[in-house]
Amino acid sequence: VDRWPWGNMYEFVVAICFAAVTAFLGTQIRFNVRFLGAFV
């Protein structure tokens, strides 16, 4: 679409899911938080 891909609800939710998983994996690099993995 040649634009930032969060211009509607669908794109925004896809991006938030990506951000949530990024937060989990980024935290896992520094701390052992695999216990949150199933729920995230």
PDB file of all heavy atoms in Angstrom:
ATOM      1  N   VAL A   1       0.817  -1.218   0.000  1.00  0.00           N
ATOM      2  CA  VAL A   1       0.000   0.000   0.000  1.00  0.00           C
ATOM      3  C   VAL A   1       0.849   1.266   0.000  1.00  0.00           C
ATOM      4  O   VAL A   1       0.307   2.374  -0.046  1.00  0.00           O
ATOM      5  CB  VAL A   1      -0.953   0.010   1.215  1.00  0.00           C
ATOM      6  CG1 VAL A   1      -1.975  -1.105   1.101  1.00  0.00           C
ATOM      7  CG2 VAL A   1      -0.178  -0.128   2.526  1.00  0.00           C
ATOM      8  N   ASP A   2       2.176   1.090   0.094  1.00  0.00           N
ATOM      9  CA  ASP A   2       3.113   2.213   0.057  1.00  0.00           C
ATOM     10  C   ASP A   2       2.805   3.237   1.156  1.00  0.00           C
ATOM     11  O   ASP A   2       2.734   4.445   0.918  1.00  0.00           O
ATOM     12  CB  ASP A   2       3.088   2.888  -1.322  1.00  0.00           C
ATOM     13  CG  ASP A   2       4.291   3.823  -1.515  1.00  0.00           C
ATOM     14  OD1 ASP A   2       5.313   3.592  -0.854  1.00  0.00           O
ATOM     15  OD2 ASP A   2       4.172   4.785  -2.307  1.00  0.00           O
ATOM     16  N   ARG A   3       2.604   2.742   2.371  1.00  0.00           N
ATOM     17  CA  ARG A   3       2.364   3.606   3.530  1.00  0.00           C
ATOM     18  C   ARG A   3       2.662   2.817   4.787  1.00  0.00           C
ATOM     19  O   ARG A   3       2.939   1.607   4.732  1.00  0.00           O
ATOM     20  CB  ARG A   3       0.915   4.090   3.562  1.00  0.00           C
ATOM     21  CG  ARG A   3      -0.109   2.956   3.635  1.00  0.00           C
ATOM     22  CD  ARG A   3      -1.505   3.460   3.891  1.00  0.00           C
ATOM     23  NE  ARG A   3      -2.495   2.414   3.796  1.00  0.00           N
ATOM     24  CZ  ARG A   3      -2.755   1.505   4.736  1.00  0.00           C
ATOM     25  NH1 ARG A   3      -2.063   1.533   5.868  1.00  0.00           N
ATOM     26  NH2 ARG A   3      -3.675   0.570   4.559  1.00  0.00           N
ATOM     27  N   TRP A   4       2.609   3.501   5.943  1.00  0.00           N
ATOM     28  CA  TRP A   4       2.762   2.790   7.212  1.00  0.00           C
ATOM     29  C   TRP A   4       1.565   1.857   7.409  1.00  0.00           C
ATOM     30  O   TRP A   4       0.415   2.303   7.312  1.00  0.00           O
ATOM     31  CB  TRP A   4       2.861   3.779   8.373  1.00  0.00           C
ATOM     32  CG  TRP A   4       4.182   4.468   8.408  1.00  0.00           C
ATOM     33  CD1 TRP A   4       4.511   5.627   7.770  1.00  0.00           C
ATOM     34  CD2 TRP A   4       5.357   4.013   9.085  1.00  0.00           C
ATOM     35  NE1 TRP A   4       5.829   5.936   8.011  1.00  0.00           N
ATOM     36  CE2 TRP A   4       6.374   4.974   8.819  1.00  0.00           C
ATOM     37  CE3 TRP A   4       5.658   2.918   9.884  1.00  0.00           C
ATOM     38  CZ2 TRP A   4       7.665   4.857   9.324  1.00  0.00           C
ATOM     39  CZ3 TRP A   4       6.939   2.794  10.393  1.00  0.00           C
ATOM     40  CH2 TRP A   4       7.927   3.750  10.120  1.00  0.00           C
ATOM     41  N   PRO A   5       1.830   0.584   7.688  1.00  0.00           N
ATOM     42  CA  PRO A   5       0.743  -0.416   7.673  1.00  0.00           C
ATOM     43  C   PRO A   5      -0.038  -0.521   8.969  1.00  0.00           C
ATOM     44  O   PRO A   5      -0.193  -1.610   9.530  1.00  0.00           O
ATOM     45  CB  PRO A   5       1.498  -1.717   7.382  1.00  0.00           C
ATOM     46  CG  PRO A   5       2.829  -1.514   8.034  1.00  0.00           C
ATOM     47  CD  PRO A   5       3.143  -0.045   7.888  1.00  0.00           C
ATOM     48  N   TRP A   6      -0.523   0.591   9.472  1.00  0.00           N
ATOM     49  CA  TRP A   6      -1.470   0.543  10.585  1.00  0.00           C
ATOM     50  C   TRP A   6      -2.465   1.687  10.449  1.00  0.00           C
ATOM     51  O   TRP A   6      -2.588   2.545  11.318  1.00  0.00           O
ATOM     52  CB  TRP A   6      -0.786   0.558  11.949  1.00  0.00           C
ATOM     53  CG  TRP A   6       0.521   1.274  12.057  1.00  0.00           C
ATOM     54  CD1 TRP A   6       0.727   2.608  12.161  1.00  0.00           C
ATOM     55  CD2 TRP A   6       1.808   0.660  12.107  1.00  0.00           C
ATOM     56  NE1 TRP A   6       2.058   2.887  12.270  1.00  0.00           N
ATOM     57  CE2 TRP A   6       2.762   1.707  12.245  1.00  0.00           C
ATOM     58  CE3 TRP A   6       2.269  -0.656  12.060  1.00  0.00           C
ATOM     59  CZ2 TRP A   6       4.136   1.464  12.324  1.00  0.00           C
ATOM     60  CZ3 TRP A   6       3.622  -0.889  12.129  1.00  0.00           C
ATOM     61  CH2 TRP A   6       4.539   0.152  12.264  1.00  0.00           C
ATOM     62  N   GLY A   7      -3.195   1.633   9.330  1.00  0.00           N
ATOM     63  CA  GLY A   7      -4.187   2.648   9.049  1.00  0.00           C
ATOM     64  C   GLY A   7      -5.608   2.215   9.317  1.00  0.00           C
ATOM     65  O   GLY A   7      -6.542   2.988   9.102  1.00  0.00           O
ATOM     66  N   ASN A   8      -5.809   0.964   9.776  1.00  0.00           N
ATOM     67  CA  ASN A   8      -7.150   0.490  10.111  1.00  0.00           C
ATOM     68  C   ASN A   8      -7.049  -0.532  11.239  1.00  0.00           C
ATOM     69  O   ASN A   8      -5.943  -0.881  11.681  1.00  0.00           O
ATOM     70  CB  ASN A   8      -7.849  -0.109   8.883  1.00  0.00           C
ATOM     71  CG  ASN A   8      -7.002  -1.171   8.194  1.00  0.00           C
ATOM     72  OD1 ASN A   8      -6.639  -2.174   8.787  1.00  0.00           O
ATOM     73  ND2 ASN A   8      -6.670  -0.931   6.915  1.00  0.00           N
ATOM     74  N   MET A   9      -8.192  -1.002  11.698  1.00  0.00           N
ATOM     75  CA  MET A   9      -8.240  -1.889  12.856  1.00  0.00           C
ATOM     76  C   MET A   9      -7.466  -3.184  12.613  1.00  0.00           C
ATOM     77  O   MET A   9      -6.734  -3.663  13.488  1.00  0.00           O
ATOM     78  CB  MET A   9      -9.705  -2.195  13.184  1.00  0.00           C
ATOM     79  CG  MET A   9      -9.893  -3.010  14.450  1.00  0.00           C
ATOM     80  SD  MET A   9      -9.560  -2.029  15.920  1.00  0.00           S
ATOM     81  CE  MET A   9     -10.169  -3.134  17.176  1.00  0.00           C
ATOM     82  N   TYR A  10      -7.617  -3.758  11.435  1.00  0.00           N
ATOM     83  CA  TYR A  10      -6.920  -5.008  11.121  1.00  0.00           C
ATOM     84  C   TYR A  10      -5.412  -4.829  11.246  1.00  0.00           C
ATOM     85  O   TYR A  10      -4.720  -5.621  11.915  1.00  0.00           O
ATOM     86  CB  TYR A  10      -7.299  -5.460   9.718  1.00  0.00           C
ATOM     87  CG  TYR A  10      -6.434  -6.574   9.178  1.00  0.00           C
ATOM     88  CD1 TYR A  10      -6.591  -7.885   9.621  1.00  0.00           C
ATOM     89  CD2 TYR A  10      -5.453  -6.313   8.229  1.00  0.00           C
ATOM     90  CE1 TYR A  10      -5.797  -8.912   9.134  1.00  0.00           C
ATOM     91  CE2 TYR A  10      -4.651  -7.334   7.729  1.00  0.00           C
ATOM     92  CZ  TYR A  10      -4.813  -8.623   8.184  1.00  0.00           C
ATOM     93  OH  TYR A  10      -4.019  -9.630   7.703  1.00  0.00           O
ATOM     94  N   GLU A  11      -4.887  -3.821  10.603  1.00  0.00           N
ATOM     95  CA  GLU A  11      -3.442  -3.599  10.617  1.00  0.00           C
ATOM     96  C   GLU A  11      -2.952  -3.269  12.029  1.00  0.00           C
ATOM     97  O   GLU A  11      -1.858  -3.693  12.435  1.00  0.00           O
ATOM     98  CB  GLU A  11      -3.097  -2.472   9.650  1.00  0.00           C
ATOM     99  CG  GLU A  11      -3.387  -2.811   8.197  1.00  0.00           C
ATOM    100  CD  GLU A  11      -3.230  -1.640   7.258  1.00  0.00           C
ATOM    101  OE1 GLU A  11      -3.008  -0.502   7.752  1.00  0.00           O
ATOM    102  OE2 GLU A  11      -3.341  -1.827   6.037  1.00  0.00           O
ATOM    103  N   PHE A  12      -3.768  -2.529  12.772  1.00  0.00           N
ATOM    104  CA  PHE A  12      -3.372  -2.149  14.122  1.00  0.00           C
ATOM    105  C   PHE A  12      -3.285  -3.371  15.037  1.00  0.00           C
ATOM    106  O   PHE A  12      -2.332  -3.515  15.813  1.00  0.00           O
ATOM    107  CB  PHE A  12      -4.377  -1.136  14.674  1.00  0.00           C
ATOM    108  CG  PHE A  12      -3.943  -0.455  15.937  1.00  0.00           C
ATOM    109  CD1 PHE A  12      -2.851   0.398  15.943  1.00  0.00           C
ATOM    110  CD2 PHE A  12      -4.623  -0.649  17.131  1.00  0.00           C
ATOM    111  CE1 PHE A  12      -2.441   1.038  17.106  1.00  0.00           C
ATOM    112  CE2 PHE A  12      -4.229  -0.019  18.296  1.00  0.00           C
ATOM    113  CZ  PHE A  12      -3.139   0.833  18.278  1.00  0.00           C
ATOM    114  N   VAL A  13      -4.252  -4.281  14.952  1.00  0.00           N
ATOM    115  CA  VAL A  13      -4.229  -5.478  15.793  1.00  0.00           C
ATOM    116  C   VAL A  13      -3.056  -6.381  15.424  1.00  0.00           C
ATOM    117  O   VAL A  13      -2.380  -6.929  16.307  1.00  0.00           O
ATOM    118  CB  VAL A  13      -5.566  -6.241  15.676  1.00  0.00           C
ATOM    119  CG1 VAL A  13      -5.487  -7.587  16.395  1.00  0.00           C
ATOM    120  CG2 VAL A  13      -6.708  -5.415  16.255  1.00  0.00           C
ATOM    121  N   VAL A  14      -2.787  -6.538  14.132  1.00  0.00           N
ATOM    122  CA  VAL A  14      -1.634  -7.338  13.703  1.00  0.00           C
ATOM    123  C   VAL A  14      -0.349  -6.753  14.277  1.00  0.00           C
ATOM    124  O   VAL A  14       0.532  -7.487  14.749  1.00  0.00           O
ATOM    125  CB  VAL A  14      -1.572  -7.403  12.163  1.00  0.00           C
ATOM    126  CG1 VAL A  14      -0.256  -8.043  11.702  1.00  0.00           C
ATOM    127  CG2 VAL A  14      -2.747  -8.205  11.614  1.00  0.00           C
ATOM    128  N   ALA A  15      -0.241  -5.440  14.273  1.00  0.00           N
ATOM    129  CA  ALA A  15       0.955  -4.790  14.803  1.00  0.00           C
ATOM    130  C   ALA A  15       1.059  -4.937  16.319  1.00  0.00           C
ATOM    131  O   ALA A  15       2.158  -5.134  16.858  1.00  0.00           O
ATOM    132  CB  ALA A  15       0.955  -3.311  14.414  1.00  0.00           C
ATOM    133  N   ILE A  16      -0.066  -4.856  17.033  1.00  0.00           N
ATOM    134  CA  ILE A  16      -0.027  -5.004  18.490  1.00  0.00           C
ATOM    135  C   ILE A  16       0.372  -6.430  18.883  1.00  0.00           C
ATOM    136  O   ILE A  16       1.130  -6.633  19.837  1.00  0.00           O
ATOM    137  CB  ILE A  16      -1.385  -4.621  19.106  1.00  0.00           C
ATOM    138  CG1 ILE A  16      -1.568  -3.109  19.083  1.00  0.00           C
ATOM    139  CG2 ILE A  16      -1.502  -5.130  20.537  1.00  0.00           C
ATOM    140  CD1 ILE A  16      -2.841  -2.626  19.713  1.00  0.00           C
ATOM    141  N   CYS A  17      -0.132  -7.429  18.152  1.00  0.00           N
ATOM    142  CA  CYS A  17       0.279  -8.812  18.428  1.00  0.00           C
ATOM    143  C   CYS A  17       1.782  -8.966  18.235  1.00  0.00           C
ATOM    144  O   CYS A  17       2.468  -9.623  19.034  1.00  0.00           O
ATOM    145  CB  CYS A  17      -0.480  -9.772  17.508  1.00  0.00           C
ATOM    146  SG  CYS A  17      -2.241  -9.897  17.866  1.00  0.00           S
ATOM    147  N   PHE A  18       2.296  -8.351  17.178  1.00  0.00           N
ATOM    148  CA  PHE A  18       3.743  -8.375  16.943  1.00  0.00           C
ATOM    149  C   PHE A  18       4.484  -7.699  18.093  1.00  0.00           C
ATOM    150  O   PHE A  18       5.507  -8.210  18.569  1.00  0.00           O
ATOM    151  CB  PHE A  18       4.058  -7.674  15.627  1.00  0.00           C
ATOM    152  CG  PHE A  18       5.525  -7.494  15.365  1.00  0.00           C
ATOM    153  CD1 PHE A  18       6.307  -8.560  14.947  1.00  0.00           C
ATOM    154  CD2 PHE A  18       6.122  -6.255  15.532  1.00  0.00           C
ATOM    155  CE1 PHE A  18       7.664  -8.395  14.711  1.00  0.00           C
ATOM    156  CE2 PHE A  18       7.481  -6.079  15.298  1.00  0.00           C
ATOM    157  CZ  PHE A  18       8.252  -7.150  14.880  1.00  0.00           C
ATOM    158  N   ALA A  19       3.970  -6.572  18.566  1.00  0.00           N
ATOM    159  CA  ALA A  19       4.620  -5.851  19.661  1.00  0.00           C
ATOM    160  C   ALA A  19       4.596  -6.663  20.953  1.00  0.00           C
ATOM    161  O   ALA A  19       5.576  -6.666  21.710  1.00  0.00           O
ATOM    162  CB  ALA A  19       3.936  -4.500  19.866  1.00  0.00           C
ATOM    163  N   ALA A  20       3.487  -7.360  21.214  1.00  0.00           N
ATOM    164  CA  ALA A  20       3.392  -8.168  22.432  1.00  0.00           C
ATOM    165  C   ALA A  20       4.399  -9.315  22.407  1.00  0.00           C
ATOM    166  O   ALA A  20       5.075  -9.589  23.413  1.00  0.00           O
ATOM    167  CB  ALA A  20       1.973  -8.710  22.592  1.00  0.00           C
ATOM    168  N   VAL A  21       4.512  -9.983  21.265  1.00  0.00           N
ATOM    169  CA  VAL A  21       5.478 -11.077  21.150  1.00  0.00           C
ATOM    170  C   VAL A  21       6.904 -10.534  21.221  1.00  0.00           C
ATOM    171  O   VAL A  21       7.791 -11.150  21.825  1.00  0.00           O
ATOM    172  CB  VAL A  21       5.247 -11.864  19.852  1.00  0.00           C
ATOM    173  CG1 VAL A  21       6.318 -12.931  19.663  1.00  0.00           C
ATOM    174  CG2 VAL A  21       3.864 -12.518  19.868  1.00  0.00           C
ATOM    175  N   THR A  22       7.128  -9.372  20.619  1.00  0.00           N
ATOM    176  CA  THR A  22       8.446  -8.746  20.704  1.00  0.00           C
ATOM    177  C   THR A  22       8.807  -8.437  22.152  1.00  0.00           C
ATOM    178  O   THR A  22       9.954  -8.647  22.579  1.00  0.00           O
ATOM    179  CB  THR A  22       8.480  -7.444  19.875  1.00  0.00           C
ATOM    180  OG1 THR A  22       8.157  -7.737  18.510  1.00  0.00           O
ATOM    181  CG2 THR A  22       9.852  -6.798  19.925  1.00  0.00           C
ATOM    182  N   ALA A  23       7.837  -7.933  22.915  1.00  0.00           N
ATOM    183  CA  ALA A  23       8.085  -7.639  24.331  1.00  0.00           C
ATOM    184  C   ALA A  23       8.453  -8.911  25.088  1.00  0.00           C
ATOM    185  O   ALA A  23       9.380  -8.908  25.909  1.00  0.00           O
ATOM    186  CB  ALA A  23       6.846  -6.992  24.946  1.00  0.00           C
ATOM    187  N   PHE A  24       7.740 -10.003  24.809  1.00  0.00           N
ATOM    188  CA  PHE A  24       8.036 -11.271  25.484  1.00  0.00           C
ATOM    189  C   PHE A  24       9.428 -11.792  25.103  1.00  0.00           C
ATOM    190  O   PHE A  24      10.226 -12.141  25.977  1.00  0.00           O
ATOM    191  CB  PHE A  24       6.974 -12.307  25.123  1.00  0.00           C
ATOM    192  CG  PHE A  24       7.368 -13.718  25.418  1.00  0.00           C
ATOM    193  CD1 PHE A  24       7.503 -14.166  26.727  1.00  0.00           C
ATOM    194  CD2 PHE A  24       7.627 -14.625  24.390  1.00  0.00           C
ATOM    195  CE1 PHE A  24       7.879 -15.467  27.011  1.00  0.00           C
ATOM    196  CE2 PHE A  24       7.997 -15.916  24.662  1.00  0.00           C
ATOM    197  CZ  PHE A  24       8.132 -16.348  25.972  1.00  0.00           C
ATOM    198  N   LEU A  25       9.718 -11.838  23.803  1.00  0.00           N
ATOM    199  CA  LEU A  25      11.000 -12.377  23.356  1.00  0.00           C
ATOM    200  C   LEU A  25      12.158 -11.475  23.780  1.00  0.00           C
ATOM    201  O   LEU A  25      13.243 -11.963  24.131  1.00  0.00           O
ATOM    202  CB  LEU A  25      10.993 -12.550  21.840  1.00  0.00           C
ATOM    203  CG  LEU A  25      10.031 -13.609  21.300  1.00  0.00           C
ATOM    204  CD1 LEU A  25      10.018 -13.602  19.780  1.00  0.00           C
ATOM    205  CD2 LEU A  25      10.405 -14.994  21.819  1.00  0.00           C
ATOM    206  N   GLY A  26      11.936 -10.156  23.750  1.00  0.00           N
ATOM    207  CA  GLY A  26      12.980  -9.256  24.209  1.00  0.00           C
ATOM    208  C   GLY A  26      13.267  -9.425  25.688  1.00  0.00           C
ATOM    209  O   GLY A  26      14.427  -9.405  26.115  1.00  0.00           O
ATOM    210  N   THR A  27      12.230  -9.608  26.482  1.00  0.00           N
ATOM    211  CA  THR A  27      12.415  -9.849  27.913  1.00  0.00           C
ATOM    212  C   THR A  27      13.105 -11.185  28.154  1.00  0.00           C
ATOM    213  O   THR A  27      13.949 -11.318  29.052  1.00  0.00           O
ATOM    214  CB  THR A  27      11.059  -9.824  28.637  1.00  0.00           C
ATOM    215  OG1 THR A  27      10.400  -8.589  28.363  1.00  0.00           O
ATOM    216  CG2 THR A  27      11.241  -9.967  30.144  1.00  0.00           C
ATOM    217  N   GLN A  28      12.779 -12.189  27.340  1.00  0.00           N
ATOM    218  CA  GLN A  28      13.377 -13.513  27.474  1.00  0.00           C
ATOM    219  C   GLN A  28      14.883 -13.478  27.233  1.00  0.00           C
ATOM    220  O   GLN A  28      15.629 -14.269  27.816  1.00  0.00           O
ATOM    221  CB  GLN A  28      12.698 -14.486  26.497  1.00  0.00           C
ATOM    222  CG  GLN A  28      13.342 -15.858  26.388  1.00  0.00           C
ATOM    223  CD  GLN A  28      13.335 -16.639  27.690  1.00  0.00           C
ATOM    224  OE1 GLN A  28      12.449 -16.445  28.511  1.00  0.00           O
ATOM    225  NE2 GLN A  28      14.308 -17.507  27.868  1.00  0.00           N
ATOM    226  N   ILE A  29      15.350 -12.564  26.404  1.00  0.00           N
ATOM    227  CA  ILE A  29      16.791 -12.450  26.156  1.00  0.00           C
ATOM    228  C   ILE A  29      17.519 -12.056  27.440  1.00  0.00           C
ATOM    229  O   ILE A  29      18.613 -12.546  27.718  1.00  0.00           O
ATOM    230  CB  ILE A  29      17.051 -11.413  25.041  1.00  0.00           C
ATOM    231  CG1 ILE A  29      16.512 -11.934  23.703  1.00  0.00           C
ATOM    232  CG2 ILE A  29      18.545 -11.103  24.920  1.00  0.00           C
ATOM    233  CD1 ILE A  29      16.607 -10.934  22.569  1.00  0.00           C
ATOM    234  N   ARG A  30      16.898 -11.196  28.218  1.00  0.00           N
ATOM    235  CA  ARG A  30      17.547 -10.698  29.445  1.00  0.00           C
ATOM    236  C   ARG A  30      17.191 -11.527  30.675  1.00  0.00           C
ATOM    237  O   ARG A  30      18.031 -11.774  31.537  1.00  0.00           O
ATOM    238  CB  ARG A  30      17.124  -9.235  29.661  1.00  0.00           C
ATOM    239  CG  ARG A  30      17.713  -8.591  30.920  1.00  0.00           C
ATOM    240  CD  ARG A  30      19.223  -8.471  30.832  1.00  0.00           C
ATOM    241  NE  ARG A  30      19.763  -7.808  32.017  1.00  0.00           N
ATOM    242  CZ  ARG A  30      20.037  -8.428  33.162  1.00  0.00           C
ATOM    243  NH1 ARG A  30      19.810  -9.728  33.298  1.00  0.00           N
ATOM    244  NH2 ARG A  30      20.545  -7.749  34.179  1.00  0.00           N
ATOM    245  N   PHE A  31      15.933 -11.985  30.757  1.00  0.00           N
ATOM    246  CA  PHE A  31      15.474 -12.761  31.908  1.00  0.00           C
ATOM    247  C   PHE A  31      14.793 -14.035  31.408  1.00  0.00           C
ATOM    248  O   PHE A  31      14.271 -14.075  30.298  1.00  0.00           O
ATOM    249  CB  PHE A  31      14.472 -11.954  32.757  1.00  0.00           C
ATOM    250  CG  PHE A  31      14.973 -10.608  33.173  1.00  0.00           C
ATOM    251  CD1 PHE A  31      14.568  -9.472  32.492  1.00  0.00           C
ATOM    252  CD2 PHE A  31      15.840 -10.474  34.237  1.00  0.00           C
ATOM    253  CE1 PHE A  31      15.020  -8.223  32.870  1.00  0.00           C
ATOM    254  CE2 PHE A  31      16.295  -9.225  34.621  1.00  0.00           C
ATOM    255  CZ  PHE A  31      15.893  -8.096  33.931  1.00  0.00           C
ATOM    256  N   ASN A  32      14.771 -15.055  32.255  1.00  0.00           N
ATOM    257  CA  ASN A  32      14.091 -16.300  31.894  1.00  0.00           C
ATOM    258  C   ASN A  32      12.613 -16.169  32.212  1.00  0.00           C
ATOM    259  O   ASN A  32      12.188 -16.361  33.351  1.00  0.00           O
ATOM    260  CB  ASN A  32      14.699 -17.482  32.655  1.00  0.00           C
ATOM    261  CG  ASN A  32      14.040 -18.795  32.267  1.00  0.00           C
ATOM    262  OD1 ASN A  32      13.379 -18.889  31.230  1.00  0.00           O
ATOM    263  ND2 ASN A  32      14.219 -19.813  33.081  1.00  0.00           N
ATOM    264  N   VAL A  33      11.819 -15.822  31.191  1.00  0.00           N
ATOM    265  CA  VAL A  33      10.368 -15.662  31.388  1.00  0.00           C
ATOM    266  C   VAL A  33       9.600 -16.624  30.488  1.00  0.00           C
ATOM    267  O   VAL A  33       8.490 -16.329  30.054  1.00  0.00           O
ATOM    268  CB  VAL A  33       9.928 -14.200  31.124  1.00  0.00           C
ATOM    269  CG1 VAL A  33      10.479 -13.272  32.183  1.00  0.00           C
ATOM    270  CG2 VAL A  33      10.338 -13.740  29.723  1.00  0.00           C
ATOM    271  N   ARG A  34      10.186 -17.794  30.219  1.00  0.00           N
ATOM    272  CA  ARG A  34       9.487 -18.752  29.361  1.00  0.00           C
ATOM    273  C   ARG A  34       8.164 -19.192  29.966  1.00  0.00           C
ATOM    274  O   ARG A  34       7.278 -19.655  29.234  1.00  0.00           O
ATOM    275  CB  ARG A  34      10.368 -19.986  29.095  1.00  0.00           C
ATOM    276  CG  ARG A  34      11.460 -19.765  28.074  1.00  0.00           C
ATOM    277  CD  ARG A  34      11.707 -21.002  27.213  1.00  0.00           C
ATOM    278  NE  ARG A  34      11.990 -22.191  27.978  1.00  0.00           N
ATOM    279  CZ  ARG A  34      13.223 -22.650  28.225  1.00  0.00           C
ATOM    280  NH1 ARG A  34      14.270 -21.997  27.797  1.00  0.00           N
ATOM    281  NH2 ARG A  34      13.389 -23.766  28.899  1.00  0.00           N
ATOM    282  N   PHE A  35       8.014 -19.043  31.273  1.00  0.00           N
ATOM    283  CA  PHE A  35       6.745 -19.423  31.912  1.00  0.00           C
ATOM    284  C   PHE A  35       5.576 -18.593  31.380  1.00  0.00           C
ATOM    285  O   PHE A  35       4.422 -18.989  31.521  1.00  0.00           O
ATOM    286  CB  PHE A  35       6.851 -19.273  33.430  1.00  0.00           C
ATOM    287  CG  PHE A  35       7.318 -17.918  33.894  1.00  0.00           C
ATOM    288  CD1 PHE A  35       6.427 -16.858  34.001  1.00  0.00           C
ATOM    289  CD2 PHE A  35       8.643 -17.704  34.235  1.00  0.00           C
ATOM    290  CE1 PHE A  35       6.842 -15.610  34.437  1.00  0.00           C
ATOM    291  CE2 PHE A  35       9.078 -16.454  34.676  1.00  0.00           C
ATOM    292  CZ  PHE A  35       8.177 -15.408  34.770  1.00  0.00           C
ATOM    293  N   LEU A  36       5.871 -17.430  30.782  1.00  0.00           N
ATOM    294  CA  LEU A  36       4.813 -16.620  30.191  1.00  0.00           C
ATOM    295  C   LEU A  36       4.514 -17.008  28.747  1.00  0.00           C
ATOM    296  O   LEU A  36       3.538 -16.538  28.165  1.00  0.00           O
ATOM    297  CB  LEU A  36       5.206 -15.133  30.219  1.00  0.00           C
ATOM    298  CG  LEU A  36       5.258 -14.443  31.584  1.00  0.00           C
ATOM    299  CD1 LEU A  36       5.759 -13.015  31.421  1.00  0.00           C
ATOM    300  CD2 LEU A  36       3.888 -14.444  32.231  1.00  0.00           C
ATOM    301  N   GLY A  37       5.363 -17.864  28.174  1.00  0.00           N
ATOM    302  CA  GLY A  37       5.280 -18.148  26.752  1.00  0.00           C
ATOM    303  C   GLY A  37       3.939 -18.668  26.286  1.00  0.00           C
ATOM    304  O   GLY A  37       3.379 -18.185  25.286  1.00  0.00           O
ATOM    305  N   ALA A  38       3.391 -19.654  26.994  1.00  0.00           N
ATOM    306  CA  ALA A  38       2.125 -20.250  26.554  1.00  0.00           C
ATOM    307  C   ALA A  38       1.015 -19.212  26.518  1.00  0.00           C
ATOM    308  O   ALA A  38       0.190 -19.199  25.599  1.00  0.00           O
ATOM    309  CB  ALA A  38       1.742 -21.405  27.487  1.00  0.00           C
ATOM    310  N   PHE A  39       1.021 -18.305  27.479  1.00  0.00           N
ATOM    311  CA  PHE A  39      -0.073 -17.346  27.601  1.00  0.00           C
ATOM    312  C   PHE A  39       0.093 -16.171  26.632  1.00  0.00           C
ATOM    313  O   PHE A  39      -0.884 -15.668  26.091  1.00  0.00           O
ATOM    314  CB  PHE A  39      -0.153 -16.867  29.048  1.00  0.00           C
ATOM    315  CG  PHE A  39      -0.207 -17.999  30.029  1.00  0.00           C
ATOM    316  CD1 PHE A  39       0.945 -18.442  30.668  1.00  0.00           C
ATOM    317  CD2 PHE A  39      -1.393 -18.659  30.272  1.00  0.00           C
ATOM    318  CE1 PHE A  39       0.905 -19.501  31.552  1.00  0.00           C
ATOM    319  CE2 PHE A  39      -1.451 -19.722  31.162  1.00  0.00           C
ATOM    320  CZ  PHE A  39      -0.303 -20.148  31.794  1.00  0.00           C
ATOM    321  N   VAL A  40       1.332 -15.755  26.387  1.00  0.00           N
ATOM    322  CA  VAL A  40       1.566 -14.704  25.397  1.00  0.00           C
ATOM    323  C   VAL A  40       1.282 -15.238  23.996  1.00  0.00           C
ATOM    324  O   VAL A  40       0.676 -14.558  23.161  1.00  0.00           O
ATOM    325  CB  VAL A  40       3.007 -14.172  25.492  1.00  0.00           C
ATOM    326  CG1 VAL A  40       3.290 -13.176  24.358  1.00  0.00           C
ATOM    327  CG2 VAL A  40       3.244 -13.508  26.842  1.00  0.00           C
TER     328      VAL A  40
END
